[in-house]
Amino acid sequence: MKINEILKNKGIKARRYEKKGKVTIIDTKDKKYVYKEGKIESQILNYLKSRSFEYIPSFLNNIQDTYQLSEYISDLNIPKEQKMLDLIRLIALLHSKTTHYKEIDLDYYEQIYEDLDGNINYLYIYYTDLITLIESKVYMSPSESMLANNITKIYQTLSKNKERLDKWHSHIKEKRKERRVVLHNNLKLEHFLESDIPYLISWDKAKIGNPVFDIYKLYQNHILDFDFETILNEYEKSYPLLKEEKELLFILISMPDLIDFKQDEYTNCKIISKMLDKIYKTEMFLSPEKPKDRAKQ
């Protein structure tokens, strides 16, 4: 069904449309609405309602519809640092309100371990093949030279992550329960609005899972923008991570990105520089020389 037909059925007379990313903002005589393609799982919405988590838009569409229609929410102009702290507090509340435990079998954690171990091995082989090819050239491009000069750091990161993974595996291989929550699963600052109350928007990727995956997504999107130690500390004031959860989080955030050299030279340099910045900043964040033990005993 086209957007015009949907609005007509809802009795909404649009005066102007504005495309903004994946959403369409609809301006009427009295108010604004937001339209977006994509369905939100009805189980997720019902579960959030049952747990009294009210910080989501009020949708005007039926739960089975393959689109989302809601009233426009005005966002207050506040500093990004404060907004990020407000966001992480709301995520802690979301996780706290939706926490439950799921029985798991022996194969569950083994599969996660094998997948992560396979990823580490793949990255090691990939970068070994790539650096061999680069070093065989008479002249390196600036991006290739940048990678070659830092390949030892990539290898060190992979080796350290293998140690973290084995340590995590030794802690969880006998566990039979996992803590589960509702994951927003697409966390970034632009999906958080502050109005009369705070709102999380863009719920079409939401699912049930381990709480660390929300923190991991937020880290991936904003590690170079904010002090993540402050963000994680704020989250754990209300929702402390378990030892094995924190270990898994540190493994995930320490995994180097895959560089494919398929862009133009300027873009390749930017991509490699960003990956290296993430590696070094993550190393600082996880440094054992910090005064307090991050892993909850």
Protein backbone atom coordinates (compact mmCIF):
# COMPACT_ATOMS: atom_id res chain seq x y z
CA MET A 1 0.00 0.00 0.00
CA LYS A 2 1.37 3.42 -0.96
CA ILE A 3 1.92 6.13 1.63
CA ASN A 4 -0.87 8.31 0.17
CA GLU A 5 -3.40 5.51 0.57
CA ILE A 6 -2.23 4.80 4.12
CA LEU A 7 -2.62 8.44 5.14
CA LYS A 8 -6.03 8.66 3.48
CA ASN A 9 -7.22 5.61 5.44
CA LYS A 10 -6.00 7.27 8.64
CA GLY A 11 -7.75 10.54 7.83
CA ILE A 12 -4.44 12.39 7.57
CA LYS A 13 -4.19 15.15 4.94
CA ALA A 14 -0.55 15.75 4.06
CA ARG A 15 0.58 19.23 3.03
CA ARG A 16 4.26 18.44 2.57
CA TYR A 17 6.63 15.44 2.59
CA GLU A 18 10.27 15.52 3.64
CA LYS A 19 12.53 12.52 3.09
CA LYS A 20 15.10 12.16 5.87
CA GLY A 21 17.20 9.02 5.58
CA LYS A 22 14.89 6.02 5.76
CA VAL A 23 11.92 7.96 7.13
CA THR A 24 9.41 10.34 5.59
CA ILE A 25 8.25 13.30 7.67
CA ILE A 26 4.65 14.25 6.88
CA ASP A 27 3.56 17.81 7.56
CA THR A 28 -0.18 18.51 8.04
CA LYS A 29 -2.08 21.58 9.07
CA ASP A 30 -2.03 20.65 12.76
CA LYS A 31 0.92 18.33 13.38
CA LYS A 32 3.67 16.18 11.91
CA TYR A 33 3.92 12.43 11.45
CA VAL A 34 6.75 10.01 10.69
CA TYR A 35 6.44 7.16 8.20
CA LYS A 36 8.94 4.33 7.80
CA GLU A 37 8.95 1.06 5.90
CA GLY A 38 9.53 -2.05 7.99
CA LYS A 39 7.70 -4.09 10.57
CA ILE A 40 8.35 -4.24 14.31
CA GLU A 41 7.93 -7.68 15.83
CA SER A 42 4.62 -7.79 17.68
CA GLN A 43 6.15 -9.98 20.40
CA ILE A 44 8.70 -7.25 21.14
CA LEU A 45 6.07 -4.50 21.35
CA ASN A 46 3.80 -6.59 23.53
CA TYR A 47 6.65 -7.54 25.82
CA LEU A 48 7.74 -3.92 26.22
CA LYS A 49 4.17 -2.96 27.12
CA SER A 50 3.89 -5.82 29.62
CA ARG A 51 7.11 -4.63 31.31
CA SER A 52 5.89 -0.99 31.45
CA PHE A 53 8.62 0.31 29.16
CA GLU A 54 6.88 3.35 27.70
CA TYR A 55 9.75 5.19 26.03
CA ILE A 56 8.85 4.31 22.45
CA PRO A 57 6.71 6.19 19.89
CA SER A 58 2.96 5.58 19.86
CA PHE A 59 2.34 3.81 16.57
CA LEU A 60 -0.83 4.59 14.62
CA ASN A 61 -0.56 1.50 12.41
CA ASN A 62 -1.74 -2.01 13.25
CA ILE A 63 0.82 -4.36 14.72
CA GLN A 64 0.80 -6.64 11.66
CA ASP A 65 1.43 -3.81 9.16
CA THR A 66 4.72 -3.75 7.24
CA TYR A 67 5.21 -0.06 7.91
CA GLN A 68 5.42 2.26 10.92
CA LEU A 69 3.43 5.46 11.35
CA SER A 70 3.74 7.63 14.43
CA GLU A 71 3.43 11.23 15.53
CA TYR A 72 6.57 13.33 15.07
CA ILE A 73 8.64 13.80 18.24
CA SER A 74 10.57 17.05 18.61
CA ASP A 75 14.13 16.60 19.86
CA LEU A 76 15.56 19.00 22.45
CA ASN A 77 18.85 20.70 21.64
CA ILE A 78 21.18 19.43 24.38
CA PRO A 79 24.94 18.71 24.37
CA LYS A 80 25.83 15.39 22.74
CA GLU A 81 27.78 14.20 25.78
CA GLN A 82 24.75 14.67 28.03
CA LYS A 83 22.47 13.09 25.47
CA MET A 84 24.69 10.00 25.25
CA LEU A 85 24.58 9.57 29.03
CA ASP A 86 20.79 9.90 28.97
CA LEU A 87 20.67 7.31 26.20
CA ILE A 88 22.76 4.76 28.09
CA ARG A 89 20.63 5.26 31.22
CA LEU A 90 17.55 4.47 29.17
CA ILE A 91 19.21 1.35 27.73
CA ALA A 92 20.04 0.21 31.26
CA LEU A 93 16.38 0.69 32.16
CA LEU A 94 15.26 -1.23 29.06
CA HIS A 95 17.54 -4.14 29.93
CA SER A 96 16.56 -4.08 33.60
CA LYS A 97 12.83 -4.14 32.86
CA THR A 98 13.07 -6.94 30.29
CA THR A 99 15.60 -9.26 31.97
CA HIS A 100 14.84 -12.96 32.00
CA TYR A 101 16.90 -16.15 31.92
CA LYS A 102 16.90 -18.82 29.24
CA GLU A 103 17.98 -22.43 29.67
CA ILE A 104 20.66 -23.34 27.13
CA ASP A 105 22.38 -26.57 26.11
CA LEU A 106 26.07 -27.41 25.82
CA ASP A 107 26.23 -26.53 22.14
CA TYR A 108 25.03 -22.95 22.56
CA TYR A 109 28.23 -21.40 23.95
CA GLU A 110 30.37 -23.81 21.95
CA GLN A 111 28.89 -22.40 18.75
CA ILE A 112 29.59 -18.83 19.84
CA TYR A 113 33.17 -19.80 20.73
CA GLU A 114 33.72 -21.55 17.41
CA ASP A 115 32.27 -18.62 15.45
CA LEU A 116 34.48 -16.06 17.21
CA ASP A 117 37.54 -18.31 17.02
CA GLY A 118 36.87 -18.81 13.32
CA ASN A 119 36.58 -15.06 12.84
CA ILE A 120 39.95 -14.47 14.53
CA ASN A 121 41.62 -17.15 12.41
CA TYR A 122 40.03 -15.78 9.25
CA LEU A 123 41.24 -12.24 9.99
CA TYR A 124 44.77 -13.50 10.69
CA ILE A 125 44.92 -15.40 7.39
CA TYR A 126 43.27 -12.53 5.50
CA TYR A 127 45.76 -9.93 6.73
CA THR A 128 48.70 -12.30 6.21
CA ASP A 129 47.72 -12.82 2.58
CA LEU A 130 47.04 -9.10 2.13
CA ILE A 131 50.36 -7.93 3.60
CA THR A 132 52.25 -10.55 1.57
CA LEU A 133 50.70 -9.13 -1.58
CA ILE A 134 51.41 -5.54 -0.54
CA GLU A 135 55.05 -6.22 0.34
CA SER A 136 55.60 -7.90 -3.04
CA LYS A 137 54.95 -4.61 -4.82
CA VAL A 138 57.74 -2.33 -5.95
CA TYR A 139 55.77 0.73 -4.84
CA MET A 140 53.12 0.82 -2.13
CA SER A 141 50.20 3.22 -2.20
CA PRO A 142 49.81 5.50 0.85
CA SER A 143 47.00 3.31 2.22
CA GLU A 144 49.02 0.12 1.68
CA SER A 145 52.02 1.69 3.39
CA MET A 146 49.81 2.72 6.32
CA LEU A 147 48.58 -0.82 6.74
CA ALA A 148 52.07 -2.33 6.36
CA ASN A 149 53.47 0.00 9.03
CA ASN A 150 50.76 -1.10 11.48
CA ILE A 151 50.34 -4.79 10.64
CA THR A 152 52.19 -5.84 13.81
CA LYS A 153 49.56 -4.05 15.90
CA ILE A 154 46.77 -5.89 14.06
CA TYR A 155 48.49 -9.24 14.73
CA GLN A 156 48.97 -8.31 18.40
CA THR A 157 45.30 -7.38 18.69
CA LEU A 158 44.20 -10.70 17.20
CA SER A 159 46.56 -12.66 19.47
CA LYS A 160 45.30 -10.84 22.57
CA ASN A 161 41.71 -11.39 21.53
CA LYS A 162 42.38 -15.11 21.15
CA GLU A 163 43.57 -15.12 24.79
CA ARG A 164 40.41 -13.27 25.87
CA LEU A 165 38.25 -15.72 23.94
CA ASP A 166 39.86 -18.80 25.52
CA LYS A 167 39.52 -17.26 28.98
CA TRP A 168 35.85 -16.49 28.37
CA HIS A 169 35.29 -20.02 27.08
CA SER A 170 36.74 -21.53 30.25
CA HIS A 171 34.29 -19.48 32.33
CA ILE A 172 31.10 -20.27 30.42
CA LYS A 173 31.45 -23.79 29.01
CA GLU A 174 29.59 -25.31 31.97
CA LYS A 175 26.85 -22.67 32.23
CA ARG A 176 23.27 -23.68 31.48
CA LYS A 177 21.53 -20.30 31.62
CA GLU A 178 21.95 -17.02 29.79
CA ARG A 179 20.61 -13.63 30.80
CA ARG A 180 18.37 -12.25 28.04
CA VAL A 181 16.83 -8.82 27.45
CA VAL A 182 15.02 -6.91 24.73
CA LEU A 183 17.73 -5.54 22.43
CA HIS A 184 17.06 -2.37 20.52
CA ASN A 185 19.81 -3.74 18.25
CA ASN A 186 20.46 -0.51 16.33
CA LEU A 187 21.79 1.88 18.93
CA LYS A 188 23.15 5.22 17.83
CA LEU A 189 22.62 8.74 19.08
CA GLU A 190 20.27 9.64 16.21
CA HIS A 191 17.84 6.94 17.38
CA PHE A 192 17.39 8.66 20.75
CA LEU A 193 15.13 11.69 21.18
CA GLU A 194 14.62 13.86 24.24
CA SER A 195 11.25 15.56 24.48
CA ASP A 196 8.82 15.65 27.41
CA ILE A 197 10.21 12.16 28.09
CA PRO A 198 13.11 10.31 26.40
CA TYR A 199 12.26 8.13 23.39
CA LEU A 200 14.01 5.31 21.59
CA ILE A 201 13.03 5.16 17.93
CA SER A 202 13.80 2.83 15.00
CA TRP A 203 12.78 -0.50 16.57
CA ASP A 204 12.56 -2.59 13.39
CA LYS A 205 15.76 -4.56 14.23
CA ALA A 206 14.76 -5.25 17.84
CA LYS A 207 15.08 -8.80 19.18
CA ILE A 208 15.70 -10.82 22.33
CA GLY A 209 19.33 -11.53 23.21
CA ASN A 210 22.38 -11.01 25.41
CA PRO A 211 22.56 -7.40 26.73
CA VAL A 212 26.16 -6.93 25.57
CA PHE A 213 25.07 -6.75 21.92
CA ASP A 214 23.34 -3.40 22.46
CA ILE A 215 26.48 -2.04 24.13
CA TYR A 216 28.62 -3.47 21.35
CA LYS A 217 26.52 -1.79 18.62
CA LEU A 218 26.69 1.53 20.45
CA TYR A 219 30.45 1.15 20.81
CA GLN A 220 30.89 0.39 17.12
CA ASN A 221 28.91 3.48 16.16
CA HIS A 222 30.45 5.96 18.61
CA ILE A 223 33.80 4.75 20.00
CA LEU A 224 35.68 7.63 18.34
CA ASP A 225 33.08 10.21 19.44
CA PHE A 226 32.83 9.68 23.20
CA ASP A 227 34.65 8.41 26.28
CA PHE A 228 33.27 4.90 26.43
CA GLU A 229 34.57 4.24 29.93
CA THR A 230 32.23 6.93 31.24
CA ILE A 231 29.36 5.50 29.19
CA LEU A 232 29.85 1.93 30.41
CA ASN A 233 30.24 3.07 34.02
CA GLU A 234 26.95 4.97 33.75
CA TYR A 235 25.22 1.89 32.34
CA GLU A 236 26.55 -0.35 35.10
CA LYS A 237 25.34 1.95 37.85
CA SER A 238 21.86 0.60 37.08
CA TYR A 239 22.61 -2.66 35.28
CA PRO A 240 25.96 -4.31 36.13
CA LEU A 241 27.21 -6.77 33.55
CA LEU A 242 28.04 -10.28 34.66
CA LYS A 243 31.66 -11.40 34.43
CA GLU A 244 31.13 -13.56 31.34
CA GLU A 245 29.03 -10.82 29.69
CA LYS A 246 31.76 -8.25 30.15
CA GLU A 247 34.39 -10.65 28.85
CA LEU A 248 32.29 -11.27 25.74
CA LEU A 249 31.81 -7.53 25.23
CA PHE A 250 35.57 -6.95 25.36
CA ILE A 251 36.15 -9.69 22.79
CA LEU A 252 33.58 -8.20 20.41
CA ILE A 253 34.85 -4.62 20.61
CA SER A 254 38.48 -5.75 20.16
CA MET A 255 37.92 -7.48 16.82
CA PRO A 256 39.71 -5.56 14.02
CA ASP A 257 37.67 -4.50 11.01
CA LEU A 258 38.10 -6.09 7.60
CA ILE A 259 39.80 -3.82 5.05
CA ASP A 260 39.21 -4.65 1.39
CA PHE A 261 40.99 -1.82 -0.52
CA LYS A 262 38.11 -1.52 -3.00
CA GLN A 263 37.58 2.22 -2.56
CA ASP A 264 39.52 5.16 -3.97
CA GLU A 265 42.88 5.89 -2.34
CA TYR A 266 41.63 8.78 -0.20
CA THR A 267 38.75 6.67 1.17
CA ASN A 268 41.05 3.70 1.77
CA CYS A 269 43.35 5.89 3.87
CA LYS A 270 40.39 7.17 5.90
CA ILE A 271 39.06 3.63 6.49
CA ILE A 272 42.44 2.28 7.62
CA SER A 273 43.07 5.31 9.81
CA LYS A 274 39.68 4.86 11.48
CA MET A 275 40.30 1.15 12.07
CA LEU A 276 43.68 1.87 13.65
CA ASP A 277 42.20 4.63 15.81
CA LYS A 278 39.60 2.14 17.05
CA ILE A 279 42.28 -0.45 17.81
CA TYR A 280 44.40 1.97 19.81
CA LYS A 281 41.45 3.54 21.63
CA THR A 282 40.05 0.11 22.52
CA GLU A 283 43.48 -0.95 23.77
CA MET A 284 43.56 2.09 26.04
CA PHE A 285 40.03 1.38 27.24
CA LEU A 286 40.90 -2.23 28.14
CA SER A 287 44.33 -1.48 29.54
CA PRO A 288 45.05 -3.68 32.63
CA GLU A 289 46.99 -0.78 34.14
CA LYS A 290 43.75 0.98 35.05
CA PRO A 291 43.28 1.18 38.83
CA LYS A 292 40.08 -0.82 39.03
CA ASP A 293 39.20 -4.29 37.89
CA ARG A 294 36.55 -4.08 35.18
CA ALA A 295 35.53 -7.71 35.31
CA LYS A 296 33.07 -8.35 38.11
CA GLN A 297 34.34 -11.21 40.21
